[in-house]
Protein backbone atom coordinates (compact mmCIF):
# COMPACT_ATOMS: atom_id res chain seq x y z
CA MET A 1 20.03 41.99 -10.94
CA THR A 2 22.12 39.94 -13.25
CA SER A 3 20.59 37.47 -15.65
CA SER A 4 22.01 34.49 -13.70
CA THR A 5 20.39 35.79 -10.50
CA LEU A 6 17.08 36.13 -12.31
CA ARG A 7 17.35 32.55 -13.64
CA THR A 8 18.20 31.26 -10.17
CA THR A 9 15.33 33.17 -8.59
CA LYS A 10 12.93 31.89 -11.26
CA CYS A 11 14.12 28.33 -10.61
CA LEU A 12 13.59 28.74 -6.85
CA PHE A 13 10.10 30.14 -7.35
CA GLU A 14 9.21 27.36 -9.77
CA TYR A 15 10.53 24.77 -7.30
CA LEU A 16 8.41 26.24 -4.49
CA ASP A 17 5.37 26.27 -6.79
CA VAL A 18 5.92 22.57 -7.55
CA LEU A 19 6.19 21.74 -3.84
CA ASP A 20 2.97 23.65 -3.14
CA GLU A 21 1.20 21.79 -5.92
CA ILE A 22 2.44 18.43 -4.60
CA GLN A 23 1.10 19.28 -1.16
CA ILE A 24 -2.30 20.30 -2.57
CA LYS A 25 -2.53 17.10 -4.64
CA ALA A 26 -1.50 14.98 -1.62
CA VAL A 27 -4.40 16.41 0.39
CA ALA A 28 -6.77 15.79 -2.53
CA MET A 29 -5.48 12.22 -2.80
CA LYS A 30 -6.18 11.58 0.89
CA VAL A 31 -9.75 12.80 0.40
CA LEU A 32 -10.21 10.54 -2.65
CA VAL A 33 -8.81 7.50 -0.83
CA ALA A 34 -11.14 8.12 2.11
CA ARG A 35 -14.08 8.37 -0.30
CA GLU A 36 -13.08 5.12 -2.05
CA VAL A 37 -12.86 3.33 1.30
CA SER A 38 -16.29 4.64 2.33
CA LEU A 39 -17.87 3.40 -0.93
CA ARG A 40 -16.09 0.04 -1.03
CA SER A 41 -18.49 -1.90 1.21
CA GLN A 42 -21.51 -0.69 -0.79
CA VAL A 43 -19.86 -1.68 -4.07
CA ILE A 44 -18.85 -5.10 -2.73
CA GLU A 45 -22.44 -5.61 -1.60
CA SER A 46 -23.79 -4.66 -5.04
CA ILE A 47 -21.34 -7.00 -6.76
CA GLY A 48 -22.88 -9.82 -4.77
CA GLU A 49 -22.05 -13.50 -4.48
CA THR A 50 -20.75 -13.88 -8.02
CA GLY A 51 -17.76 -11.69 -7.22
CA ARG A 52 -18.02 -9.96 -10.63
CA ARG A 53 -20.18 -7.31 -12.17
CA ALA A 54 -20.05 -5.56 -15.52
CA VAL A 55 -20.86 -1.86 -15.42
CA LYS A 56 -21.33 0.41 -18.41
CA HIS A 57 -19.43 3.59 -17.61
CA GLY A 58 -19.35 6.17 -20.38
CA ASP A 59 -18.77 4.33 -23.66
CA ALA A 60 -16.97 1.39 -22.07
CA VAL A 61 -18.05 -1.66 -20.14
CA ARG A 62 -15.85 -2.16 -17.10
CA LEU A 63 -15.68 -5.27 -15.00
CA LEU A 64 -15.67 -4.90 -11.22
CA ARG A 65 -14.56 -7.92 -9.23
CA THR A 66 -13.82 -8.59 -5.61
CA VAL A 67 -10.33 -9.70 -4.60
CA ASP A 68 -8.81 -10.60 -1.27
CA LYS A 69 -5.82 -8.47 -0.35
CA GLU A 70 -3.47 -10.22 2.03
CA SER A 71 -1.11 -8.26 4.27
CA PHE A 72 1.43 -9.29 6.87
CA GLY A 73 2.67 -7.44 9.92
CA LEU A 74 4.52 -8.19 13.09
CA ALA A 75 2.44 -9.42 16.02
CA VAL A 76 5.46 -8.97 18.30
CA ASP A 77 8.35 -6.53 18.48
CA GLU A 78 11.04 -6.62 15.80
CA GLN A 79 13.70 -8.17 18.05
CA THR A 80 11.48 -11.10 19.05
CA ALA A 81 10.61 -11.78 15.40
CA VAL A 82 14.28 -11.67 14.35
CA GLU A 83 15.29 -13.99 17.20
CA PHE A 84 12.56 -16.46 16.25
CA CYS A 85 13.58 -16.47 12.59
CA GLN A 86 17.24 -16.94 13.50
CA SER A 87 16.36 -19.82 15.83
CA MET A 88 14.47 -21.48 12.95
CA GLY A 89 17.39 -20.94 10.54
CA LEU A 90 15.44 -18.50 8.37
CA ALA A 91 17.29 -15.75 6.54
CA ILE A 92 17.14 -12.22 7.94
CA ASP A 93 17.43 -9.03 5.90
CA SER A 94 20.94 -8.70 4.53
CA ARG A 95 21.19 -4.98 5.28
CA SER A 96 20.58 -5.30 9.00
CA ALA A 97 20.64 -8.30 11.30
CA GLU A 98 18.11 -6.61 13.62
CA TRP A 99 15.40 -6.17 11.02
CA LEU A 100 12.89 -8.37 9.24
CA SER A 101 12.03 -6.67 5.95
CA PRO A 102 8.43 -6.43 4.72
CA ALA A 103 9.35 -8.73 1.82
CA LYS A 104 10.61 -11.40 4.25
CA ARG A 105 7.51 -10.98 6.43
CA ARG A 106 5.30 -11.51 3.39
CA LYS A 107 7.29 -14.52 2.18
CA TYR A 108 7.41 -16.21 5.59
CA GLY A 109 3.73 -15.40 6.22
CA GLN A 110 2.56 -16.73 2.84
CA GLU A 111 4.61 -19.89 3.16
CA ARG A 112 3.49 -20.25 6.80
CA LEU A 113 7.08 -20.67 7.94
CA VAL A 114 6.46 -18.42 10.92
CA PRO A 115 3.38 -18.76 13.16
CA GLU A 116 0.72 -16.04 13.26
CA SER A 117 1.75 -15.29 16.83
CA ILE A 118 4.93 -13.78 15.29
CA ILE A 119 3.80 -12.57 11.85
CA SER A 120 0.13 -11.64 11.76
CA ARG A 121 -1.85 -12.13 8.59
CA SER A 122 -4.89 -10.07 7.66
CA VAL A 123 -7.14 -10.36 4.64
CA GLU A 124 -9.17 -7.44 3.37
CA GLN A 125 -11.71 -7.69 0.60
CA THR A 126 -11.20 -5.01 -2.00
CA ILE A 127 -12.20 -4.28 -5.59
CA ALA A 128 -10.28 -4.66 -8.84
CA VAL A 129 -11.39 -2.92 -12.02
CA ASP A 130 -10.66 -4.48 -15.40
C-alpha cells in the first residue's frame, strides 16, 4: 500500500468511528431526555407554589424555577392554514407559497392573528436552572 492509500484508509476508519460514536451518544441522549421528562413532574411538585427553589448541589447553590413553554402547531392541514393567512393578508413564507414556517406560526399564534382553530397553542410547564 502506498502512503496516500494508508492516509485515506485511516481517514475513512476515523470517519466511521466518529459516526458510530455519534449514534451511541444519540441513544444515550434519548435515554437522558426520557429520564428528565419522567422526573419533571416530581421536581415541579417539590418546587411548589412559589415557582422557585434553591438547591445546594455540590459546592454551588442552583436555583430551580418553573417556566411555561409555549408551542404552536397547525390544527389543520398546511394548505388550509396558508389559504386562511392569505385571505387575511398575512405574509406567507418567502421560500414557498404553500408553506407556513414554524417562525410564522409562532408569531401569528403569539400575536393571536390566527385563531386556535388554525394554529393550535399548547403550554407545557417545564423547569429552568439558573
